[in-house]
Amino acid sequence: MLQIGSGGGFLTRYCADPSSPTGGGGGKEWTHHPPHAHAPPAASSPVSDGKIDDDNEDDRASIVSLDSDSTNGPFFWYRVVSKFAPKGRNCHTASMVGDKMMVFGGFGGSKWFDELWVFDTRFIEWYRPEVRSAVQGSPAARYAHSAVAYRGLLYIFGGYGGDDAWLNDLWVLDTQAIRVRDQRKAAMTWLKPQTTGSPPPPRAAHTANIVGQKLYIFGGNNGSIRLNDLYSLDTQTMAWKKEFCGGSRPFPLSPLSAAPPPPIIAPRHCVSPGC
């Protein structure tokens, strides 16, 4: 059984410093090995959109799952290989909506991505869904952004878009279409909500978590400094607020080029340092 993001399995990503990027459907080809690092594909890699060169493994996006029949083990690594999959990338987001994993953005070694991919964990396959744009368009290419799924909506905030473009825009993807029977004929829709209040300044490599009905943005960096401020967005009123917290504030946090895991804000607002 392939498990991603719940139960006995998990999928993790590690993100480099956005200012100096490094790193790196279909059939069921299973291998019994732990994941390993991948370098980014070369700019001249023979890859067309979504088509993978079978002879060039660095171009092939892969999914790894840690599977077990119980929380006590034994544990087994599995790798899923598909001939139709996203190009290799890092610092993208992967969010679970029901039994679908929504992958957006990322950096591929020579370009930033603005595309959305869906991995169906029931049928073990990738596909590119139809997505309608908002009146204002759709999110620009980026990586080291955040994405949080809440009540059928995917909230995407900030990130780095290259050419010193540090972002603080908010986009919402209405994912209802993936829950209808004929998913391939129903389109999801990008929304550009109108917000009030004080939004977070531009940043990348931050965290975003839902607590109750609020989306919390913490930390990150803006190309000059690491940040340790906290903002909230009320998803009902769409009002931003800068939170002023008592106690000892955490040190400014943001992943480094050595790629430690990002900090995590738990439901009780506990912060675990990423570096």
Protein backbone atom coordinates (compact mmCIF):
# COMPACT_ATOMS: atom_id res chain seq x y z
CA MET A 1 0.00 0.00 0.00
CA LEU A 2 1.24 3.44 -0.92
CA GLN A 3 0.69 5.95 1.86
CA ILE A 4 1.40 9.64 1.54
CA GLY A 5 0.94 12.12 4.34
CA SER A 6 -1.25 10.00 6.63
CA GLY A 7 -1.43 6.70 8.42
CA GLY A 8 1.85 4.85 8.55
CA GLY A 9 3.42 6.70 5.65
CA PHE A 10 4.85 10.14 5.08
CA LEU A 11 6.36 12.28 2.37
CA THR A 12 8.88 15.00 3.22
CA ARG A 13 10.58 17.80 1.30
CA TYR A 14 13.68 19.78 2.15
CA CYS A 15 14.12 23.27 0.88
CA ALA A 16 17.27 25.23 0.07
CA ASP A 17 17.79 28.95 0.61
CA PRO A 18 15.72 30.62 -2.16
CA SER A 19 18.47 33.13 -2.85
CA SER A 20 20.84 30.35 -3.93
CA PRO A 21 18.81 27.43 -5.37
CA THR A 22 20.48 24.04 -5.41
CA GLY A 23 19.36 20.49 -5.44
CA GLY A 24 17.37 18.76 -7.31
CA GLY A 25 -0.66 7.99 -13.01
CA GLY A 26 1.07 5.69 -14.76
CA GLY A 27 2.59 2.44 -13.86
CA LYS A 28 3.56 0.98 -10.52
CA GLU A 29 7.26 0.29 -10.40
CA TRP A 30 8.21 -0.42 -6.79
CA THR A 31 11.70 -0.49 -5.41
CA HIS A 32 12.65 -1.35 -1.86
CA HIS A 33 15.17 1.40 -1.17
CA PRO A 34 15.29 4.61 0.88
CA PRO A 35 15.09 7.95 -0.94
CA HIS A 36 18.28 9.66 -2.03
CA ALA A 37 19.32 13.10 -3.17
CA HIS A 38 18.88 14.18 -6.77
CA ALA A 39 20.73 16.94 -8.60
CA PRO A 40 18.57 19.26 -10.72
CA PRO A 41 18.25 18.38 -14.40
CA ALA A 42 20.59 20.22 -16.73
CA ALA A 43 19.16 23.05 -18.76
CA SER A 44 19.69 21.01 -21.94
CA SER A 45 17.85 17.93 -20.61
CA PRO A 46 15.71 16.33 -23.35
CA VAL A 47 12.36 16.73 -21.54
CA SER A 48 9.07 18.05 -22.83
CA ASP A 49 6.27 19.16 -20.50
CA GLY A 50 5.24 16.13 -18.49
CA LYS A 51 7.16 13.69 -20.68
CA ILE A 52 10.05 11.93 -19.03
CA ASP A 53 13.19 10.73 -20.75
CA ASP A 54 13.40 7.08 -19.66
CA ASP A 55 17.18 7.14 -19.97
CA ASN A 56 17.63 10.21 -17.78
CA GLU A 57 16.59 9.41 -14.21
CA ASP A 58 17.46 12.88 -12.94
CA ASP A 59 14.54 14.24 -14.99
CA ARG A 60 12.04 11.88 -13.40
CA ALA A 61 10.07 13.16 -10.43
CA SER A 62 9.65 10.38 -7.90
CA ILE A 63 7.47 9.67 -4.91
CA VAL A 64 8.72 7.70 -1.94
CA SER A 65 6.52 6.25 0.76
CA LEU A 66 7.38 4.76 4.13
CA ASP A 67 4.90 1.97 4.65
CA SER A 68 4.13 -0.18 7.66
CA ASP A 69 1.27 -2.30 8.94
CA SER A 70 1.60 -0.69 12.35
CA THR A 71 3.21 2.29 14.06
CA ASN A 72 5.78 -0.10 15.56
CA GLY A 73 7.09 -1.37 12.23
CA PRO A 74 8.63 -3.06 10.42
CA PHE A 75 8.97 -0.16 7.98
CA PHE A 76 9.68 -0.33 4.25
CA TRP A 77 10.63 2.36 1.74
CA TYR A 78 8.90 2.22 -1.64
CA ARG A 79 9.47 4.35 -4.70
CA VAL A 80 6.79 4.95 -7.32
CA VAL A 81 8.05 5.54 -10.86
CA SER A 82 5.74 6.89 -13.54
CA LYS A 83 6.40 7.73 -17.20
CA PHE A 84 4.00 10.68 -16.97
CA ALA A 85 5.01 12.85 -14.03
CA PRO A 86 6.16 16.35 -13.14
CA LYS A 87 9.67 17.36 -14.05
CA GLY A 88 12.16 17.02 -11.22
CA ARG A 89 12.02 19.98 -8.82
CA ASN A 90 12.63 21.15 -5.29
CA CYS A 91 10.99 23.61 -2.89
CA HIS A 92 7.52 22.92 -4.29
CA THR A 93 4.51 22.27 -2.06
CA ALA A 94 2.62 18.99 -1.73
CA SER A 95 -0.77 19.18 -0.02
CA MET A 96 -3.31 16.43 0.58
CA VAL A 97 -6.93 17.11 -0.43
CA GLY A 98 -8.85 13.94 0.29
CA ASP A 99 -6.91 11.15 -1.41
CA LYS A 100 -5.25 13.52 -3.90
CA MET A 101 -1.84 15.13 -3.47
CA MET A 102 -1.70 18.61 -5.01
CA VAL A 103 1.80 19.67 -6.10
CA PHE A 104 2.36 23.28 -7.04
CA GLY A 105 5.39 25.33 -8.11
CA GLY A 106 9.02 24.55 -7.35
CA PHE A 107 12.41 25.08 -8.96
CA GLY A 108 13.82 22.77 -11.62
CA GLY A 109 17.44 23.85 -11.83
CA SER A 110 16.87 26.26 -14.73
CA LYS A 111 13.32 27.57 -14.26
CA TRP A 112 10.60 28.26 -11.72
CA PHE A 113 7.30 26.42 -12.16
CA ASP A 114 3.74 27.74 -12.00
CA GLU A 115 2.05 24.46 -12.84
CA LEU A 116 -0.30 22.30 -10.78
CA TRP A 117 -0.04 18.52 -10.70
CA VAL A 118 -2.25 15.98 -8.94
CA PHE A 119 -1.14 12.57 -7.69
CA ASP A 120 -4.03 10.17 -7.16
CA THR A 121 -3.12 7.89 -4.26
CA ARG A 122 -5.95 5.46 -5.07
CA PHE A 123 -4.94 4.79 -8.67
CA ILE A 124 -1.23 5.59 -8.21
CA GLU A 125 -1.04 8.02 -11.12
CA TRP A 126 -0.16 11.62 -11.96
CA TYR A 127 -2.26 13.96 -14.08
CA ARG A 128 -2.44 17.66 -15.00
CA PRO A 129 -5.91 18.95 -14.08
CA GLU A 130 -7.75 21.66 -15.95
CA VAL A 131 -7.62 24.86 -13.90
CA ARG A 132 -9.60 28.01 -14.67
CA SER A 133 -7.89 31.33 -14.00
CA ALA A 134 -9.31 34.08 -11.85
CA VAL A 135 -10.11 37.49 -13.35
CA GLN A 136 -6.69 38.57 -12.04
CA GLY A 137 -5.00 35.57 -13.66
CA SER A 138 -3.21 32.82 -11.73
CA PRO A 139 -0.20 32.55 -9.42
CA ALA A 140 3.16 33.41 -10.95
CA ALA A 141 5.94 30.81 -10.98
CA ARG A 142 7.58 30.43 -7.56
CA TYR A 143 9.21 28.16 -5.09
CA ALA A 144 9.70 28.06 -1.31
CA HIS A 145 6.12 29.30 -0.97
CA SER A 146 3.52 27.76 1.33
CA ALA A 147 0.32 25.84 0.59
CA VAL A 148 -2.33 24.75 3.09
CA ALA A 149 -5.51 22.82 2.34
CA TYR A 150 -8.59 23.75 4.36
CA ARG A 151 -12.21 22.81 3.67
CA GLY A 152 -11.64 22.10 0.00
CA LEU A 153 -9.59 25.25 -0.61
CA LEU A 154 -5.83 25.40 -1.14
CA TYR A 155 -4.27 28.61 0.22
CA ILE A 156 -0.96 29.58 -1.45
CA PHE A 157 1.13 32.39 -0.04
CA GLY A 158 4.42 34.08 -0.88
CA GLY A 159 7.60 32.42 -2.11
CA TYR A 160 10.44 33.41 -4.40
CA GLY A 161 9.94 33.88 -8.14
CA GLY A 162 13.47 34.59 -9.34
CA ASP A 163 15.02 37.92 -10.41
CA ASP A 164 14.78 39.14 -6.81
CA ALA A 165 11.00 38.66 -6.79
CA TRP A 166 10.12 38.01 -3.14
CA LEU A 167 6.36 37.54 -2.97
CA ASN A 168 3.56 38.13 -0.46
CA ASP A 169 0.51 37.50 -2.63
CA LEU A 170 -2.31 35.20 -1.56
CA TRP A 171 -4.07 32.83 -3.95
CA VAL A 172 -6.81 30.31 -3.26
CA LEU A 173 -7.51 27.23 -5.38
CA ASP A 174 -11.05 25.88 -5.25
CA THR A 175 -10.48 22.12 -5.47
CA GLN A 176 -14.13 21.05 -5.50
CA ALA A 177 -13.81 19.74 -9.05
CA ILE A 178 -11.50 16.90 -7.98
CA ARG A 179 -14.32 15.50 -5.86
CA VAL A 180 -16.77 15.07 -8.72
CA ARG A 181 -16.98 11.77 -10.54
CA ASP A 182 -15.50 12.78 -13.88
CA GLN A 183 -12.51 14.75 -12.64
CA ARG A 184 -10.95 15.15 -16.08
CA LYS A 185 -13.94 17.17 -17.39
CA ALA A 186 -14.41 19.43 -14.37
CA ALA A 187 -12.08 22.35 -13.81
CA MET A 188 -10.69 23.67 -10.58
CA THR A 189 -10.60 27.45 -10.22
CA TRP A 190 -8.02 29.96 -9.03
CA LEU A 191 -9.38 32.74 -6.81
CA LYS A 192 -7.67 36.02 -5.88
CA PRO A 193 -9.39 37.01 -2.66
CA GLN A 194 -9.73 40.59 -1.49
CA THR A 195 -8.19 40.90 1.97
CA THR A 196 -8.09 43.59 4.63
CA GLY A 197 -5.66 44.38 7.41
CA SER A 198 -1.88 44.13 7.36
CA PRO A 199 -0.53 41.21 5.30
CA PRO A 200 2.91 39.73 5.96
CA PRO A 201 5.78 41.40 4.10
CA PRO A 202 7.27 39.44 1.17
CA ARG A 203 9.05 36.24 2.18
CA ALA A 204 9.92 32.68 1.24
CA ALA A 205 10.73 29.49 3.15
CA HIS A 206 8.18 30.35 5.83
CA THR A 207 5.60 28.07 7.43
CA ALA A 208 1.84 28.16 7.05
CA ASN A 209 -0.59 26.27 9.29
CA ILE A 210 -4.31 26.24 9.93
CA VAL A 211 -5.40 26.52 13.58
CA GLY A 212 -9.15 26.70 13.93
CA GLN A 213 -10.32 28.88 11.06
CA LYS A 214 -7.14 30.95 10.91
CA LEU A 215 -4.11 30.59 8.67
CA TYR A 216 -0.85 31.42 10.48
CA ILE A 217 2.31 32.52 8.64
CA PHE A 218 5.56 32.37 10.58
CA GLY A 219 9.20 33.14 9.83
CA GLY A 220 10.96 32.71 6.51
CA ASN A 221 13.40 35.12 4.87
CA ASN A 222 13.18 38.02 2.46
CA GLY A 223 16.60 37.81 0.82
CA SER A 224 18.18 40.11 3.37
CA ILE A 225 17.25 38.81 6.81
CA ARG A 226 15.62 35.83 8.47
CA LEU A 227 12.24 36.56 10.00
CA ASN A 228 10.51 35.53 13.22
CA ASP A 229 7.24 37.43 12.99
CA LEU A 230 3.77 35.85 13.13
CA TYR A 231 0.72 36.83 11.05
CA SER A 232 -2.77 35.39 10.91
CA LEU A 233 -5.46 35.37 8.24
CA ASP A 234 -9.06 34.78 9.28
CA THR A 235 -10.38 32.55 6.49
CA GLN A 236 -13.97 33.68 7.16
CA THR A 237 -13.44 37.45 7.10
CA MET A 238 -10.21 37.38 5.01
CA ALA A 239 -8.60 39.86 7.40
CA TRP A 240 -4.85 39.79 8.02
CA LYS A 241 -3.46 40.59 11.45
CA LYS A 242 0.04 40.85 12.83
CA GLU A 243 0.15 38.87 16.05
CA PHE A 244 2.04 40.24 19.03
CA CYS A 245 3.07 37.36 21.25
CA GLY A 246 4.27 37.30 24.85
CA GLY A 247 7.09 35.16 26.15
CA SER A 248 10.43 34.48 24.53
CA ARG A 249 10.18 34.87 20.79
CA PRO A 250 11.85 32.08 18.73
CA PHE A 251 15.05 32.95 16.91
CA PRO A 252 14.55 33.97 13.27
CA LEU A 253 14.07 30.78 11.30
CA SER A 254 14.53 29.87 7.67
CA PRO A 255 16.02 26.81 5.95
CA LEU A 256 19.64 27.15 4.86
CA SER A 257 21.35 25.88 1.74
CA ALA A 258 22.32 22.79 3.75
CA ALA A 259 18.58 22.03 3.58
CA PRO A 260 17.42 21.20 7.09
CA PRO A 261 13.65 20.72 7.49
CA PRO A 262 11.61 23.91 7.90
CA PRO A 263 10.21 24.90 11.30
CA ILE A 264 6.79 23.53 12.15
CA ILE A 265 3.97 25.27 13.97
CA ALA A 266 1.83 22.75 15.79
CA PRO A 267 -1.84 23.30 16.78
CA ARG A 268 -0.71 24.85 20.10
CA HIS A 269 1.54 27.33 18.30
CA CYS A 270 4.68 25.45 19.31
CA VAL A 271 7.64 26.21 17.07
CA SER A 272 10.35 23.68 16.36
CA PRO A 273 13.52 25.32 14.99
CA GLY A 274 14.64 24.29 11.55
CA CYS A 275 18.22 25.42 12.07
